[in-house]
Amino acid sequence: MAWKTCEVTWAGPTETGGIFIALKATDGSFERWFQAFPGMQKEMLATALCAMSTGMRVEAALPDSLQEYGVIERLYVRQWVPPA
């Protein structure tokens, strides 16, 4: 599991009921789609939408491979303070 600080660029449901969230790493290492953990889809969608609507970032626990459409294991809203 890799922890990454990210911006949420897209988030929403699919026609099959899954939740997909597009994340962009703040260190520039990736920008891709991930799936919300199956048992916590609504909660992760709410977290992603909160981050998007407030301009905050998220701390995401992602698969080590960072493979596109990998499953997000944990997702937290994170206060971001710009460097001085």
N, C-alpha and C. Protein backbone atom coordinates (compact mmCIF):
# COMPACT_ATOMS: atom_id res chain seq x y z
N MET A 1 0.85 -1.17 0.00
CA MET A 1 0.00 0.00 0.00
C MET A 1 0.90 1.24 0.00
N ALA A 2 0.60 2.16 -0.90
CA ALA A 2 1.34 3.42 -1.00
C ALA A 2 0.45 4.58 -0.59
N TRP A 3 0.94 5.44 0.29
CA TRP A 3 0.19 6.63 0.68
C TRP A 3 0.62 7.78 -0.21
N LYS A 4 -0.35 8.47 -0.82
CA LYS A 4 -0.06 9.59 -1.71
C LYS A 4 -0.99 10.75 -1.39
N THR A 5 -0.44 11.95 -1.42
CA THR A 5 -1.25 13.16 -1.31
C THR A 5 -1.67 13.53 -2.72
N CYS A 6 -2.97 13.74 -2.92
CA CYS A 6 -3.51 13.93 -4.27
C CYS A 6 -4.56 15.02 -4.33
N GLU A 7 -4.77 15.51 -5.54
CA GLU A 7 -5.92 16.32 -5.87
C GLU A 7 -6.95 15.40 -6.50
N VAL A 8 -8.21 15.60 -6.18
CA VAL A 8 -9.28 14.84 -6.83
C VAL A 8 -9.71 15.65 -8.05
N THR A 9 -9.62 15.05 -9.24
CA THR A 9 -9.96 15.77 -10.47
C THR A 9 -11.31 15.37 -11.05
N TRP A 10 -11.77 14.18 -10.75
CA TRP A 10 -13.08 13.68 -11.19
C TRP A 10 -13.57 12.70 -10.13
N ALA A 11 -14.88 12.56 -10.02
CA ALA A 11 -15.44 11.56 -9.12
C ALA A 11 -16.90 11.32 -9.49
N GLY A 12 -17.31 10.05 -9.47
CA GLY A 12 -18.71 9.77 -9.73
C GLY A 12 -18.98 8.30 -9.95
N PRO A 13 -20.27 7.98 -10.13
CA PRO A 13 -20.69 6.58 -10.30
C PRO A 13 -20.63 6.13 -11.76
N THR A 14 -20.55 4.82 -11.93
CA THR A 14 -20.66 4.23 -13.26
C THR A 14 -22.05 3.62 -13.41
N GLU A 15 -22.37 3.23 -14.61
CA GLU A 15 -23.69 2.64 -14.85
C GLU A 15 -23.86 1.28 -14.16
N THR A 16 -22.76 0.67 -13.75
CA THR A 16 -22.84 -0.62 -13.05
C THR A 16 -22.85 -0.46 -11.54
N GLY A 17 -22.84 0.78 -11.05
CA GLY A 17 -22.94 1.03 -9.62
C GLY A 17 -21.62 1.25 -8.92
N GLY A 18 -20.51 1.13 -9.62
CA GLY A 18 -19.20 1.38 -9.02
C GLY A 18 -18.94 2.87 -8.89
N ILE A 19 -18.00 3.22 -8.06
CA ILE A 19 -17.58 4.61 -7.89
C ILE A 19 -16.13 4.72 -8.35
N PHE A 20 -15.89 5.64 -9.26
CA PHE A 20 -14.54 5.89 -9.76
C PHE A 20 -14.11 7.29 -9.39
N ILE A 21 -12.83 7.40 -9.00
CA ILE A 21 -12.27 8.67 -8.56
C ILE A 21 -10.94 8.87 -9.28
N ALA A 22 -10.80 10.01 -9.95
CA ALA A 22 -9.54 10.32 -10.63
C ALA A 22 -8.68 11.15 -9.68
N LEU A 23 -7.45 10.71 -9.50
CA LEU A 23 -6.53 11.36 -8.59
C LEU A 23 -5.28 11.82 -9.34
N LYS A 24 -4.78 12.98 -8.93
CA LYS A 24 -3.54 13.52 -9.48
C LYS A 24 -2.58 13.72 -8.30
N ALA A 25 -1.47 13.00 -8.30
CA ALA A 25 -0.50 13.11 -7.21
C ALA A 25 0.11 14.50 -7.19
N THR A 26 0.23 15.06 -6.01
CA THR A 26 0.79 16.41 -5.90
C THR A 26 2.27 16.44 -6.25
N ASP A 27 2.94 15.28 -6.19
CA ASP A 27 4.36 15.23 -6.58
C ASP A 27 4.54 15.00 -8.08
N GLY A 28 3.42 14.93 -8.81
CA GLY A 28 3.47 14.78 -10.27
C GLY A 28 3.76 13.38 -10.76
N SER A 29 3.75 12.39 -9.88
CA SER A 29 4.13 11.04 -10.27
C SER A 29 3.05 10.29 -11.06
N PHE A 30 1.80 10.70 -10.96
CA PHE A 30 0.74 10.04 -11.73
C PHE A 30 -0.52 10.90 -11.75
N GLU A 31 -1.37 10.59 -12.70
CA GLU A 31 -2.74 11.12 -12.78
C GLU A 31 -3.56 10.03 -13.44
N ARG A 32 -4.43 9.38 -12.66
CA ARG A 32 -5.22 8.28 -13.22
C ARG A 32 -6.47 8.00 -12.38
N TRP A 33 -7.29 7.10 -12.92
CA TRP A 33 -8.54 6.69 -12.29
C TRP A 33 -8.30 5.55 -11.32
N PHE A 34 -9.08 5.56 -10.23
CA PHE A 34 -9.06 4.47 -9.26
C PHE A 34 -10.50 4.13 -8.90
N GLN A 35 -10.71 2.92 -8.38
CA GLN A 35 -12.02 2.50 -7.89
C GLN A 35 -12.09 2.70 -6.39
N ALA A 36 -13.25 3.11 -5.91
CA ALA A 36 -13.47 3.18 -4.46
C ALA A 36 -13.60 1.76 -3.92
N PHE A 37 -13.11 1.56 -2.72
CA PHE A 37 -13.20 0.26 -2.05
C PHE A 37 -14.66 -0.18 -2.02
N PRO A 38 -14.99 -1.40 -2.45
CA PRO A 38 -16.38 -1.82 -2.59
C PRO A 38 -17.27 -1.61 -1.37
N GLY A 39 -16.80 -1.83 -0.18
CA GLY A 39 -17.63 -1.69 1.01
C GLY A 39 -17.77 -0.26 1.51
N MET A 40 -17.05 0.68 0.88
CA MET A 40 -17.06 2.06 1.35
C MET A 40 -17.21 3.05 0.20
N GLN A 41 -17.95 2.67 -0.82
CA GLN A 41 -18.07 3.52 -2.01
C GLN A 41 -18.72 4.86 -1.72
N LYS A 42 -19.84 4.85 -1.01
CA LYS A 42 -20.53 6.11 -0.73
C LYS A 42 -19.68 7.04 0.12
N GLU A 43 -18.99 6.47 1.09
CA GLU A 43 -18.14 7.27 1.96
C GLU A 43 -16.97 7.88 1.19
N MET A 44 -16.36 7.09 0.30
CA MET A 44 -15.25 7.61 -0.48
C MET A 44 -15.71 8.65 -1.50
N LEU A 45 -16.90 8.45 -2.08
CA LEU A 45 -17.43 9.46 -2.98
C LEU A 45 -17.67 10.76 -2.22
N ALA A 46 -18.24 10.66 -1.02
CA ALA A 46 -18.48 11.86 -0.21
C ALA A 46 -17.16 12.56 0.12
N THR A 47 -16.13 11.79 0.45
CA THR A 47 -14.82 12.37 0.76
C THR A 47 -14.23 13.06 -0.47
N ALA A 48 -14.33 12.41 -1.63
CA ALA A 48 -13.81 12.99 -2.86
C ALA A 48 -14.55 14.28 -3.23
N LEU A 49 -15.88 14.27 -3.11
CA LEU A 49 -16.66 15.46 -3.42
C LEU A 49 -16.37 16.59 -2.45
N CYS A 50 -16.15 16.26 -1.19
CA CYS A 50 -15.79 17.26 -0.19
C CYS A 50 -14.47 17.93 -0.58
N ALA A 51 -13.48 17.12 -0.95
CA ALA A 51 -12.19 17.67 -1.35
C ALA A 51 -12.32 18.56 -2.58
N MET A 52 -13.10 18.12 -3.55
CA MET A 52 -13.28 18.92 -4.77
C MET A 52 -13.99 20.24 -4.47
N SER A 53 -15.01 20.20 -3.65
CA SER A 53 -15.81 21.41 -3.41
C SER A 53 -15.12 22.41 -2.49
N THR A 54 -14.17 21.95 -1.68
CA THR A 54 -13.47 22.86 -0.76
C THR A 54 -12.07 23.23 -1.23
N GLY A 55 -11.58 22.55 -2.27
CA GLY A 55 -10.23 22.80 -2.74
C GLY A 55 -9.16 22.11 -1.90
N MET A 56 -9.60 21.23 -0.99
CA MET A 56 -8.65 20.50 -0.15
C MET A 56 -8.10 19.30 -0.93
N ARG A 57 -7.08 18.71 -0.40
CA ARG A 57 -6.47 17.54 -1.02
C ARG A 57 -6.88 16.30 -0.24
N VAL A 58 -6.51 15.15 -0.77
CA VAL A 58 -6.79 13.90 -0.07
C VAL A 58 -5.49 13.14 0.16
N GLU A 59 -5.50 12.34 1.19
CA GLU A 59 -4.42 11.39 1.44
C GLU A 59 -5.03 10.03 1.10
N ALA A 60 -4.45 9.35 0.12
CA ALA A 60 -5.03 8.11 -0.39
C ALA A 60 -4.09 6.94 -0.18
N ALA A 61 -4.64 5.83 0.30
CA ALA A 61 -3.91 4.57 0.38
C ALA A 61 -4.21 3.81 -0.89
N LEU A 62 -3.20 3.66 -1.73
CA LEU A 62 -3.37 3.09 -3.06
C LEU A 62 -2.54 1.82 -3.21
N PRO A 63 -2.88 0.99 -4.22
CA PRO A 63 -2.07 -0.21 -4.46
C PRO A 63 -0.63 0.20 -4.79
N ASP A 64 0.33 -0.59 -4.35
CA ASP A 64 1.74 -0.28 -4.61
C ASP A 64 2.04 -0.09 -6.09
N SER A 65 1.33 -0.79 -6.94
CA SER A 65 1.58 -0.70 -8.38
C SER A 65 1.05 0.61 -8.98
N LEU A 66 0.16 1.29 -8.26
CA LEU A 66 -0.50 2.51 -8.75
C LEU A 66 -1.16 2.28 -10.11
N GLN A 67 -1.59 1.05 -10.35
CA GLN A 67 -2.21 0.67 -11.62
C GLN A 67 -3.54 1.40 -11.82
N GLU A 68 -3.79 1.83 -13.05
CA GLU A 68 -5.06 2.47 -13.39
C GLU A 68 -6.22 1.55 -13.01
N TYR A 69 -7.23 2.10 -12.39
CA TYR A 69 -8.43 1.41 -11.91
C TYR A 69 -8.15 0.48 -10.74
N GLY A 70 -6.99 0.64 -10.08
CA GLY A 70 -6.73 -0.07 -8.84
C GLY A 70 -7.70 0.43 -7.77
N VAL A 71 -7.79 -0.30 -6.67
CA VAL A 71 -8.75 0.03 -5.62
C VAL A 71 -8.11 0.95 -4.57
N ILE A 72 -8.82 2.03 -4.24
CA ILE A 72 -8.39 2.92 -3.16
C ILE A 72 -8.76 2.22 -1.85
N GLU A 73 -7.79 1.98 -1.00
CA GLU A 73 -8.05 1.29 0.25
C GLU A 73 -8.54 2.23 1.35
N ARG A 74 -8.01 3.45 1.37
CA ARG A 74 -8.45 4.46 2.34
C ARG A 74 -8.35 5.82 1.67
N LEU A 75 -9.20 6.75 2.13
CA LEU A 75 -9.22 8.09 1.53
C LEU A 75 -9.63 9.09 2.60
N TYR A 76 -8.76 10.05 2.84
CA TYR A 76 -9.00 11.06 3.88
C TYR A 76 -8.83 12.46 3.29
N VAL A 77 -9.69 13.38 3.70
CA VAL A 77 -9.53 14.79 3.32
C VAL A 77 -8.36 15.34 4.13
N ARG A 78 -7.53 16.13 3.47
CA ARG A 78 -6.34 16.64 4.13
C ARG A 78 -6.22 18.15 3.94
N GLN A 79 -6.01 18.85 5.03
CA GLN A 79 -5.77 20.29 4.96
C GLN A 79 -4.43 20.51 4.26
N TRP A 80 -4.42 21.40 3.31
CA TRP A 80 -3.19 21.68 2.58
C TRP A 80 -2.80 23.12 2.83
N VAL A 81 -1.56 23.31 3.21
CA VAL A 81 -1.04 24.66 3.43
C VAL A 81 0.04 24.90 2.39
N PRO A 82 -0.12 25.96 1.56
CA PRO A 82 0.91 26.21 0.54
C PRO A 82 2.25 26.54 1.19
N PRO A 83 3.33 26.15 0.54
CA PRO A 83 4.65 26.46 1.09
C PRO A 83 4.84 27.98 1.21
N ALA A 84 5.56 28.37 2.24
CA ALA A 84 5.81 29.80 2.46
C ALA A 84 6.86 30.34 1.52
